């Protein structure tokens, strides 16, 4: 009896150690949403509608806001230089990776409209979707507007290297984003080290990565698949601006109406998509 009492504290310590070891191998993506808003301006109407969709579909998730007060933009020259010329998107390209690597969770661009929960994907180590970059079947990248990850995933660290080692201003005076977009860079990294194939289909990659087809996270408010999880409303405006500026202006004017059509359709189906 005395020996049993003596061993009891050691047994408790052993149980705690075993529990910690099990937790290490059973990490889930935390219910955290990371949002970057570096400009400091009030949210436009369409952005407010997108953020309300997060509250409606993902009410249990904590939202972490990353701005010039909560992230040191001077800590990374690429980010500092992008912010200096008000290029918020490429600055956020790095911050999203940094935040996910440190905290885990789900990063979403502010113009992502959520239609279905991500809860069934939280047991993955990493998830996102294919993004179509052109009409050819092999012209695909990896979606940057929605990324889910456990803390410390190696894909995040591999993607961060480009921003940590490359200048934002190129020798010809152009910006790095005009030469290498985030979806293209992510695909390059995933193809080289994680087994990604440039095809628009669901793929299981190394290190627990799940890449959904592009229909899961749709890149436009046109032709929205009924069962897509989320819509990136403005996707591509930074990628094709030089060639299609007129079309982008027309699309931007139409976005509120197009989003209203999606919202109305979802309500008529009782929220089932």
C-alpha atoms as a PDB file:
ATOM      1  CA  UNK A   1       0.000   0.000   0.000  1.00  0.00           C
ATOM      2  CA  UNK A   2       2.829   2.392   0.925  1.00  0.00           C
ATOM      3  CA  UNK A   3       4.728   1.518  -2.267  1.00  0.00           C
ATOM      4  CA  UNK A   4       1.573   2.190  -4.297  1.00  0.00           C
ATOM      5  CA  UNK A   5       1.189   5.650  -2.764  1.00  0.00           C
ATOM      6  CA  UNK A   6       4.867   6.358  -3.447  1.00  0.00           C
ATOM      7  CA  UNK A   7       4.509   5.428  -7.114  1.00  0.00           C
ATOM      8  CA  UNK A   8       1.287   7.372  -7.664  1.00  0.00           C
ATOM      9  CA  UNK A   9       2.942  10.737  -8.551  1.00  0.00           C
ATOM     10  CA  UNK A  10       5.290   8.964 -10.982  1.00  0.00           C
ATOM     11  CA  UNK A  11       2.318   7.275 -12.630  1.00  0.00           C
ATOM     12  CA  UNK A  12       0.594  10.641 -13.097  1.00  0.00           C
ATOM     13  CA  UNK A  13       3.778  12.111 -14.627  1.00  0.00           C
ATOM     14  CA  UNK A  14       4.063   9.118 -16.952  1.00  0.00           C
ATOM     15  CA  UNK A  15       0.436   9.518 -18.088  1.00  0.00           C
ATOM     16  CA  UNK A  16       1.001  13.234 -18.776  1.00  0.00           C
ATOM     17  CA  UNK A  17       4.110  12.468 -20.818  1.00  0.00           C
ATOM     18  CA  UNK A  18       2.269   9.839 -22.866  1.00  0.00           C
ATOM     19  CA  UNK A  19      -0.579  12.302 -23.458  1.00  0.00           C
ATOM     20  CA  UNK A  20       1.867  14.938 -24.710  1.00  0.00           C
ATOM     21  CA  UNK A  21       3.517  12.440 -27.058  1.00  0.00           C
ATOM     22  CA  UNK A  22       0.135  11.410 -28.475  1.00  0.00           C
ATOM     23  CA  UNK A  23      -0.796  15.067 -28.972  1.00  0.00           C
ATOM     24  CA  UNK A  24       2.369  15.678 -30.980  1.00  0.00           C
ATOM     25  CA  UNK A  25       1.315  13.033 -33.480  1.00  0.00           C
ATOM     26  CA  UNK A  26      -2.354  14.063 -33.473  1.00  0.00           C
ATOM     27  CA  UNK A  27      -2.169  17.804 -34.162  1.00  0.00           C
ATOM     28  CA  UNK A  28      -5.198  19.266 -35.895  1.00  0.00           C
ATOM     29  CA  UNK A  29      -5.543  22.557 -37.708  1.00  0.00           C
ATOM     30  CA  UNK A  30      -6.738  25.017 -35.043  1.00  0.00           C
ATOM     31  CA  UNK A  31      -9.945  26.993 -35.504  1.00  0.00           C
ATOM     32  CA  UNK A  32      -8.127  30.240 -36.240  1.00  0.00           C
ATOM     33  CA  UNK A  33      -8.699  32.434 -39.307  1.00  0.00           C
ATOM     34  CA  UNK A  34      -5.849  34.732 -40.314  1.00  0.00           C
ATOM     35  CA  UNK A  35      -6.786  37.980 -42.077  1.00  0.00           C
ATOM     36  CA  UNK A  36      -4.382  40.555 -43.521  1.00  0.00           C
ATOM     37  CA  UNK A  37      -5.515  44.173 -43.855  1.00  0.00           C
ATOM     38  CA  UNK A  38      -2.479  46.380 -44.263  1.00  0.00           C
ATOM     39  CA  UNK A  39      -3.903  49.513 -45.861  1.00  0.00           C
ATOM     40  CA  UNK A  40      -5.806  50.643 -42.787  1.00  0.00           C
ATOM     41  CA  UNK A  41      -8.824  51.864 -44.766  1.00  0.00           C
ATOM     42  CA  UNK A  42     -12.375  50.887 -43.739  1.00  0.00           C
ATOM     43  CA  UNK A  43     -13.584  47.628 -45.243  1.00  0.00           C
ATOM     44  CA  UNK A  44     -15.497  48.203 -48.514  1.00  0.00           C
ATOM     45  CA  UNK A  45     -19.027  46.857 -48.785  1.00  0.00           C
ATOM     46  CA  UNK A  46     -18.117  43.675 -50.653  1.00  0.00           C
ATOM     47  CA  UNK A  47     -15.373  42.851 -48.142  1.00  0.00           C
ATOM     48  CA  UNK A  48     -17.845  43.318 -45.276  1.00  0.00           C
ATOM     49  CA  UNK A  49     -20.202  40.861 -46.952  1.00  0.00           C
ATOM     50  CA  UNK A  50     -17.385  38.323 -47.283  1.00  0.00           C
ATOM     51  CA  UNK A  51     -16.402  38.724 -43.633  1.00  0.00           C
ATOM     52  CA  UNK A  52     -20.021  38.236 -42.575  1.00  0.00           C
ATOM     53  CA  UNK A  53     -19.993  34.917 -44.418  1.00  0.00           C
ATOM     54  CA  UNK A  54     -17.088  33.838 -42.196  1.00  0.00           C
ATOM     55  CA  UNK A  55     -19.115  34.687 -39.094  1.00  0.00           C
ATOM     56  CA  UNK A  56     -22.147  32.859 -40.431  1.00  0.00           C
ATOM     57  CA  UNK A  57     -20.469  29.651 -41.622  1.00  0.00           C
ATOM     58  CA  UNK A  58     -17.532  29.508 -39.176  1.00  0.00           C
ATOM     59  CA  UNK A  59     -18.919  31.029 -35.951  1.00  0.00           C
ATOM     60  CA  UNK A  60     -16.562  29.099 -33.632  1.00  0.00           C
ATOM     61  CA  UNK A  61     -13.371  30.354 -35.293  1.00  0.00           C
ATOM     62  CA  UNK A  62     -11.121  33.026 -33.814  1.00  0.00           C
ATOM     63  CA  UNK A  63     -10.048  35.731 -36.292  1.00  0.00           C
ATOM     64  CA  UNK A  64      -6.499  37.055 -36.037  1.00  0.00           C
ATOM     65  CA  UNK A  65      -6.026  40.374 -37.840  1.00  0.00           C
ATOM     66  CA  UNK A  66      -2.585  41.111 -39.228  1.00  0.00           C
ATOM     67  CA  UNK A  67      -1.829  44.739 -40.019  1.00  0.00           C
ATOM     68  CA  UNK A  68       1.068  47.179 -39.627  1.00  0.00           C
ATOM     69  CA  UNK A  69       0.517  47.223 -35.864  1.00  0.00           C
ATOM     70  CA  UNK A  70       0.408  43.460 -35.287  1.00  0.00           C
ATOM     71  CA  UNK A  71       3.133  42.475 -37.769  1.00  0.00           C
ATOM     72  CA  UNK A  72       6.537  44.159 -38.071  1.00  0.00           C
ATOM     73  CA  UNK A  73       6.645  44.902 -41.804  1.00  0.00           C
ATOM     74  CA  UNK A  74      10.258  46.077 -41.501  1.00  0.00           C
ATOM     75  CA  UNK A  75      11.367  42.625 -40.370  1.00  0.00           C
ATOM     76  CA  UNK A  76      11.357  41.308 -43.962  1.00  0.00           C
ATOM     77  CA  UNK A  77      12.754  43.588 -46.730  1.00  0.00           C
ATOM     78  CA  UNK A  78      10.365  42.139 -49.342  1.00  0.00           C
ATOM     79  CA  UNK A  79       7.364  43.021 -47.156  1.00  0.00           C
ATOM     80  CA  UNK A  80       8.790  46.431 -46.201  1.00  0.00           C
ATOM     81  CA  UNK A  81       9.338  47.422 -49.832  1.00  0.00           C
ATOM     82  CA  UNK A  82       5.920  46.173 -50.947  1.00  0.00           C
ATOM     83  CA  UNK A  83       4.233  48.183 -48.202  1.00  0.00           C
ATOM     84  CA  UNK A  84       6.275  51.277 -49.113  1.00  0.00           C
ATOM     85  CA  UNK A  85       4.502  51.407 -52.504  1.00  0.00           C
ATOM     86  CA  UNK A  86       1.130  50.263 -51.105  1.00  0.00           C
ATOM     87  CA  UNK A  87       1.321  46.841 -52.719  1.00  0.00           C
ATOM     88  CA  UNK A  88      -0.647  45.080 -50.018  1.00  0.00           C
ATOM     89  CA  UNK A  89      -1.207  41.761 -51.791  1.00  0.00           C
ATOM     90  CA  UNK A  90       2.467  40.718 -52.171  1.00  0.00           C
ATOM     91  CA  UNK A  91       3.175  41.848 -48.612  1.00  0.00           C
ATOM     92  CA  UNK A  92       0.337  39.622 -47.441  1.00  0.00           C
ATOM     93  CA  UNK A  93       1.785  36.760 -49.508  1.00  0.00           C
ATOM     94  CA  UNK A  94       4.555  36.471 -46.940  1.00  0.00           C
ATOM     95  CA  UNK A  95       2.552  37.349 -43.835  1.00  0.00           C
ATOM     96  CA  UNK A  96       0.024  34.557 -44.478  1.00  0.00           C
ATOM     97  CA  UNK A  97       2.802  31.964 -44.598  1.00  0.00           C
ATOM     98  CA  UNK A  98       4.450  33.372 -41.473  1.00  0.00           C
ATOM     99  CA  UNK A  99       1.180  33.396 -39.505  1.00  0.00           C
ATOM    100  CA  UNK A 100       0.263  29.835 -40.473  1.00  0.00           C
ATOM    101  CA  UNK A 101       3.749  28.557 -39.731  1.00  0.00           C
ATOM    102  CA  UNK A 102       3.665  30.106 -36.276  1.00  0.00           C
ATOM    103  CA  UNK A 103       0.063  29.561 -35.205  1.00  0.00           C
ATOM    104  CA  UNK A 104      -1.577  27.191 -37.665  1.00  0.00           C
ATOM    105  CA  UNK A 105      -5.165  27.751 -38.754  1.00  0.00           C
ATOM    106  CA  UNK A 106      -6.764  28.924 -41.989  1.00  0.00           C
ATOM    107  CA  UNK A 107      -5.631  31.962 -43.923  1.00  0.00           C
ATOM    108  CA  UNK A 108      -8.215  33.644 -46.143  1.00  0.00           C
ATOM    109  CA  UNK A 109      -8.015  36.713 -48.343  1.00  0.00           C
ATOM    110  CA  UNK A 110     -10.478  39.377 -47.242  1.00  0.00           C
ATOM    111  CA  UNK A 111     -12.460  38.917 -50.474  1.00  0.00           C
ATOM    112  CA  UNK A 112     -13.161  35.221 -49.896  1.00  0.00           C
ATOM    113  CA  UNK A 113     -16.859  34.397 -49.536  1.00  0.00           C
ATOM    114  CA  UNK A 114     -17.341  31.206 -47.509  1.00  0.00           C
ATOM    115  CA  UNK A 115     -20.238  28.897 -48.351  1.00  0.00           C
ATOM    116  CA  UNK A 116     -19.367  25.631 -46.577  1.00  0.00           C
ATOM    117  CA  UNK A 117     -17.488  24.821 -43.393  1.00  0.00           C
ATOM    118  CA  UNK A 118     -13.885  23.646 -43.377  1.00  0.00           C
ATOM    119  CA  UNK A 119     -14.378  21.571 -40.220  1.00  0.00           C
ATOM    120  CA  UNK A 120     -14.060  18.252 -42.053  1.00  0.00           C
ATOM    121  CA  UNK A 121     -10.579  19.280 -43.268  1.00  0.00           C
ATOM    122  CA  UNK A 122      -9.110  20.188 -39.886  1.00  0.00           C
ATOM    123  CA  UNK A 123      -7.646  16.715 -39.368  1.00  0.00           C
ATOM    124  CA  UNK A 124      -5.363  17.288 -42.362  1.00  0.00           C
ATOM    125  CA  UNK A 125      -1.857  18.695 -41.962  1.00  0.00           C
ATOM    126  CA  UNK A 126      -2.388  21.120 -44.844  1.00  0.00           C
ATOM    127  CA  UNK A 127      -5.099  21.871 -47.385  1.00  0.00           C
ATOM    128  CA  UNK A 128      -5.840  24.228 -50.224  1.00  0.00           C
ATOM    129  CA  UNK A 129      -6.958  23.842 -53.846  1.00  0.00           C
ATOM    130  CA  UNK A 130      -5.715  23.968 -57.407  1.00  0.00           C
ATOM    131  CA  UNK A 131      -6.017  27.352 -59.125  1.00  0.00           C
ATOM    132  CA  UNK A 132      -6.447  27.624 -62.878  1.00  0.00           C
ATOM    133  CA  UNK A 133      -3.907  30.036 -64.377  1.00  0.00           C
ATOM    134  CA  UNK A 134      -4.835  29.620 -68.038  1.00  0.00           C
ATOM    135  CA  UNK A 135      -6.962  27.657 -70.514  1.00  0.00           C
ATOM    136  CA  UNK A 136      -4.567  24.727 -70.931  1.00  0.00           C
ATOM    137  CA  UNK A 137      -5.030  21.709 -68.602  1.00  0.00           C
ATOM    138  CA  UNK A 138      -1.477  22.042 -67.278  1.00  0.00           C
ATOM    139  CA  UNK A 139      -1.741  25.792 -66.636  1.00  0.00           C
ATOM    140  CA  UNK A 140      -2.499  25.394 -62.955  1.00  0.00           C
ATOM    141  CA  UNK A 141      -1.082  26.734 -59.723  1.00  0.00           C
ATOM    142  CA  UNK A 142      -1.910  26.315 -56.058  1.00  0.00           C
ATOM    143  CA  UNK A 143      -4.572  28.510 -54.503  1.00  0.00           C
ATOM    144  CA  UNK A 144      -3.174  31.251 -52.254  1.00  0.00           C
ATOM    145  CA  UNK A 145      -6.451  32.847 -51.147  1.00  0.00           C
ATOM    146  CA  UNK A 146      -7.393  29.949 -48.834  1.00  0.00           C
ATOM    147  CA  UNK A 147      -4.717  27.949 -47.014  1.00  0.00           C
ATOM    148  CA  UNK A 148      -5.210  25.656 -44.029  1.00  0.00           C
ATOM    149  CA  UNK A 149      -2.269  24.263 -42.064  1.00  0.00           C
ATOM    150  CA  UNK A 150      -1.011  22.921 -38.776  1.00  0.00           C
ATOM    151  CA  UNK A 151       1.762  25.013 -37.190  1.00  0.00           C
ATOM    152  CA  UNK A 152       5.236  24.514 -38.599  1.00  0.00           C
ATOM    153  CA  UNK A 153       4.344  22.663 -41.800  1.00  0.00           C
ATOM    154  CA  UNK A 154       7.434  22.286 -44.031  1.00  0.00           C
ATOM    155  CA  UNK A 155       5.626  23.542 -47.132  1.00  0.00           C
ATOM    156  CA  UNK A 156       5.164  26.931 -45.480  1.00  0.00           C
ATOM    157  CA  UNK A 157       8.856  27.259 -44.640  1.00  0.00           C
ATOM    158  CA  UNK A 158       9.815  26.263 -48.184  1.00  0.00           C
ATOM    159  CA  UNK A 159       7.500  28.918 -49.675  1.00  0.00           C
ATOM    160  CA  UNK A 160       8.746  31.620 -47.289  1.00  0.00           C
ATOM    161  CA  UNK A 161      12.288  31.333 -48.656  1.00  0.00           C
ATOM    162  CA  UNK A 162      11.395  33.174 -51.875  1.00  0.00           C
ATOM    163  CA  UNK A 163      10.198  36.242 -49.981  1.00  0.00           C
ATOM    164  CA  UNK A 164      13.050  36.111 -47.474  1.00  0.00           C
ATOM    165  CA  UNK A 165      15.772  35.800 -50.119  1.00  0.00           C
ATOM    166  CA  UNK A 166      14.369  37.797 -53.077  1.00  0.00           C
ATOM    167  CA  UNK A 167      14.014  41.570 -53.594  1.00  0.00           C
ATOM    168  CA  UNK A 168      10.613  43.112 -54.170  1.00  0.00           C
ATOM    169  CA  UNK A 169      11.995  45.688 -56.626  1.00  0.00           C
ATOM    170  CA  UNK A 170      13.549  44.045 -59.669  1.00  0.00           C
ATOM    171  CA  UNK A 171      16.499  45.590 -61.611  1.00  0.00           C
ATOM    172  CA  UNK A 172      14.203  46.794 -64.414  1.00  0.00           C
ATOM    173  CA  UNK A 173      12.067  48.686 -61.897  1.00  0.00           C
ATOM    174  CA  UNK A 174       9.137  46.275 -61.967  1.00  0.00           C
ATOM    175  CA  UNK A 175       7.703  44.482 -58.969  1.00  0.00           C
ATOM    176  CA  UNK A 176       8.471  40.849 -58.190  1.00  0.00           C
ATOM    177  CA  UNK A 177       4.772  39.966 -58.256  1.00  0.00           C
ATOM    178  CA  UNK A 178       4.690  40.741 -61.991  1.00  0.00           C
ATOM    179  CA  UNK A 179       7.259  37.963 -62.537  1.00  0.00           C
ATOM    180  CA  UNK A 180       6.245  35.399 -59.920  1.00  0.00           C
ATOM    181  CA  UNK A 181       2.770  35.183 -58.409  1.00  0.00           C
ATOM    182  CA  UNK A 182       2.024  33.305 -55.202  1.00  0.00           C
ATOM    183  CA  UNK A 183      -0.021  30.531 -56.916  1.00  0.00           C
ATOM    184  CA  UNK A 184       2.785  29.965 -59.411  1.00  0.00           C
ATOM    185  CA  UNK A 185       5.461  29.916 -56.717  1.00  0.00           C
ATOM    186  CA  UNK A 186       3.473  27.568 -54.465  1.00  0.00           C
ATOM    187  CA  UNK A 187       3.027  25.169 -57.387  1.00  0.00           C
ATOM    188  CA  UNK A 188       6.736  25.313 -58.165  1.00  0.00           C
ATOM    189  CA  UNK A 189       7.634  24.440 -54.573  1.00  0.00           C
ATOM    190  CA  UNK A 190       4.989  21.707 -54.324  1.00  0.00           C
ATOM    191  CA  UNK A 191       6.014  20.159 -57.645  1.00  0.00           C
ATOM    192  CA  UNK A 192       9.660  20.026 -56.672  1.00  0.00           C
ATOM    193  CA  UNK A 193       9.465  18.690 -53.120  1.00  0.00           C
ATOM    194  CA  UNK A 194       5.975  17.463 -52.298  1.00  0.00           C
ATOM    195  CA  UNK A 195       4.757  15.539 -55.355  1.00  0.00           C
ATOM    196  CA  UNK A 196       2.282  18.025 -56.841  1.00  0.00           C
ATOM    197  CA  UNK A 197       1.239  17.340 -60.446  1.00  0.00           C
ATOM    198  CA  UNK A 198       0.024  20.189 -62.626  1.00  0.00           C
ATOM    199  CA  UNK A 199      -3.465  18.839 -63.112  1.00  0.00           C
ATOM    200  CA  UNK A 200      -6.846  20.097 -61.902  1.00  0.00           C
ATOM    201  CA  UNK A 201      -7.858  17.223 -59.651  1.00  0.00           C
ATOM    202  CA  UNK A 202      -7.730  16.274 -55.988  1.00  0.00           C
ATOM    203  CA  UNK A 203      -4.221  15.268 -54.948  1.00  0.00           C
ATOM    204  CA  UNK A 204      -2.725  13.749 -51.805  1.00  0.00           C
ATOM    205  CA  UNK A 205       0.844  15.005 -51.457  1.00  0.00           C
ATOM    206  CA  UNK A 206       3.672  14.293 -49.066  1.00  0.00           C
ATOM    207  CA  UNK A 207       3.603  15.578 -45.478  1.00  0.00           C
ATOM    208  CA  UNK A 208      -0.154  15.219 -45.236  1.00  0.00           C
ATOM    209  CA  UNK A 209      -0.989  17.831 -47.870  1.00  0.00           C
ATOM    210  CA  UNK A 210      -4.429  17.750 -49.499  1.00  0.00           C
ATOM    211  CA  UNK A 211      -4.909  19.731 -52.708  1.00  0.00           C
ATOM    212  CA  UNK A 212      -8.568  19.994 -53.710  1.00  0.00           C
ATOM    213  CA  UNK A 213      -9.723  20.583 -57.300  1.00  0.00           C
ATOM    214  CA  UNK A 214     -10.230  24.202 -58.373  1.00  0.00           C
ATOM    215  CA  UNK A 215     -14.012  23.790 -58.130  1.00  0.00           C
ATOM    216  CA  UNK A 216     -13.704  23.549 -54.328  1.00  0.00           C
ATOM    217  CA  UNK A 217     -12.395  27.123 -54.041  1.00  0.00           C
ATOM    218  CA  UNK A 218     -13.724  28.929 -57.072  1.00  0.00           C
ATOM    219  CA  UNK A 219     -11.744  31.819 -58.532  1.00  0.00           C
ATOM    220  CA  UNK A 220     -14.533  34.015 -59.862  1.00  0.00           C
ATOM    221  CA  UNK A 221     -18.128  35.026 -59.228  1.00  0.00           C
ATOM    222  CA  UNK A 222     -18.993  33.697 -62.684  1.00  0.00           C
ATOM    223  CA  UNK A 223     -20.075  30.070 -63.162  1.00  0.00           C
ATOM    224  CA  UNK A 224     -19.872  29.252 -59.470  1.00  0.00           C
ATOM    225  CA  UNK A 225     -20.036  25.474 -58.856  1.00  0.00           C
ATOM    226  CA  UNK A 226     -22.977  24.672 -56.625  1.00  0.00           C
ATOM    227  CA  UNK A 227     -20.896  22.606 -54.200  1.00  0.00           C
ATOM    228  CA  UNK A 228     -17.835  24.872 -53.908  1.00  0.00           C
ATOM    229  CA  UNK A 229     -16.691  25.651 -50.377  1.00  0.00           C
ATOM    230  CA  UNK A 230     -15.586  29.231 -50.965  1.00  0.00           C
ATOM    231  CA  UNK A 231     -15.319  31.870 -53.686  1.00  0.00           C
ATOM    232  CA  UNK A 232     -12.341  34.155 -54.161  1.00  0.00           C
ATOM    233  CA  UNK A 233     -14.270  37.106 -55.543  1.00  0.00           C
ATOM    234  CA  UNK A 234     -11.456  39.216 -57.033  1.00  0.00           C
ATOM    235  CA  UNK A 235      -9.016  36.477 -57.944  1.00  0.00           C
ATOM    236  CA  UNK A 236      -6.620  37.253 -60.790  1.00  0.00           C
ATOM    237  CA  UNK A 237      -6.839  41.067 -60.840  1.00  0.00           C
ATOM    238  CA  UNK A 238      -3.154  41.363 -59.848  1.00  0.00           C
ATOM    239  CA  UNK A 239      -2.142  38.641 -62.300  1.00  0.00           C
ATOM    240  CA  UNK A 240      -3.605  39.787 -65.617  1.00  0.00           C
ATOM    241  CA  UNK A 241      -3.975  43.534 -65.070  1.00  0.00           C
ATOM    242  CA  UNK A 242      -1.653  44.530 -67.911  1.00  0.00           C
ATOM    243  CA  UNK A 243      -3.634  42.617 -70.523  1.00  0.00           C
ATOM    244  CA  UNK A 244      -7.222  42.857 -69.355  1.00  0.00           C
ATOM    245  CA  UNK A 245      -7.617  46.116 -67.447  1.00  0.00           C
ATOM    246  CA  UNK A 246     -10.929  47.003 -69.134  1.00  0.00           C
ATOM    247  CA  UNK A 247     -12.431  43.608 -68.341  1.00  0.00           C
ATOM    248  CA  UNK A 248     -11.317  43.905 -64.727  1.00  0.00           C
ATOM    249  CA  UNK A 249     -13.045  47.275 -64.324  1.00  0.00           C
ATOM    250  CA  UNK A 250     -16.264  45.828 -65.710  1.00  0.00           C
ATOM    251  CA  UNK A 251     -15.985  42.790 -63.435  1.00  0.00           C
ATOM    252  CA  UNK A 252     -15.418  44.963 -60.371  1.00  0.00           C
ATOM    253  CA  UNK A 253     -18.585  46.926 -61.122  1.00  0.00           C
ATOM    254  CA  UNK A 254     -20.530  43.680 -61.446  1.00  0.00           C
ATOM    255  CA  UNK A 255     -19.162  41.986 -58.323  1.00  0.00           C
ATOM    256  CA  UNK A 256     -21.824  43.214 -55.831  1.00  0.00           C
ATOM    257  CA  UNK A 257     -24.619  41.986 -58.110  1.00  0.00           C
ATOM    258  CA  UNK A 258     -22.872  38.688 -58.814  1.00  0.00           C
ATOM    259  CA  UNK A 259     -22.306  38.083 -55.106  1.00  0.00           C
ATOM    260  CA  UNK A 260     -25.950  38.957 -54.398  1.00  0.00           C
ATOM    261  CA  UNK A 261     -26.945  36.249 -56.884  1.00  0.00           C
ATOM    262  CA  UNK A 262     -24.812  33.689 -55.025  1.00  0.00           C
ATOM    263  CA  UNK A 263     -26.148  34.760 -51.616  1.00  0.00           C
ATOM    264  CA  UNK A 264     -29.746  34.648 -52.853  1.00  0.00           C
ATOM    265  CA  UNK A 265     -29.307  31.202 -54.359  1.00  0.00           C
ATOM    266  CA  UNK A 266     -27.816  29.884 -51.127  1.00  0.00           C
ATOM    267  CA  UNK A 267     -30.664  31.339 -49.058  1.00  0.00           C
ATOM    268  CA  UNK A 268     -33.288  29.801 -51.340  1.00  0.00           C
ATOM    269  CA  UNK A 269     -31.626  26.428 -50.802  1.00  0.00           C
ATOM    270  CA  UNK A 270     -31.727  26.968 -47.054  1.00  0.00           C
ATOM    271  CA  UNK A 271     -27.971  27.377 -46.776  1.00  0.00           C
ATOM    272  CA  UNK A 272     -27.306  23.986 -48.364  1.00  0.00           C
ATOM    273  CA  UNK A 273     -24.790  24.218 -51.221  1.00  0.00           C
END
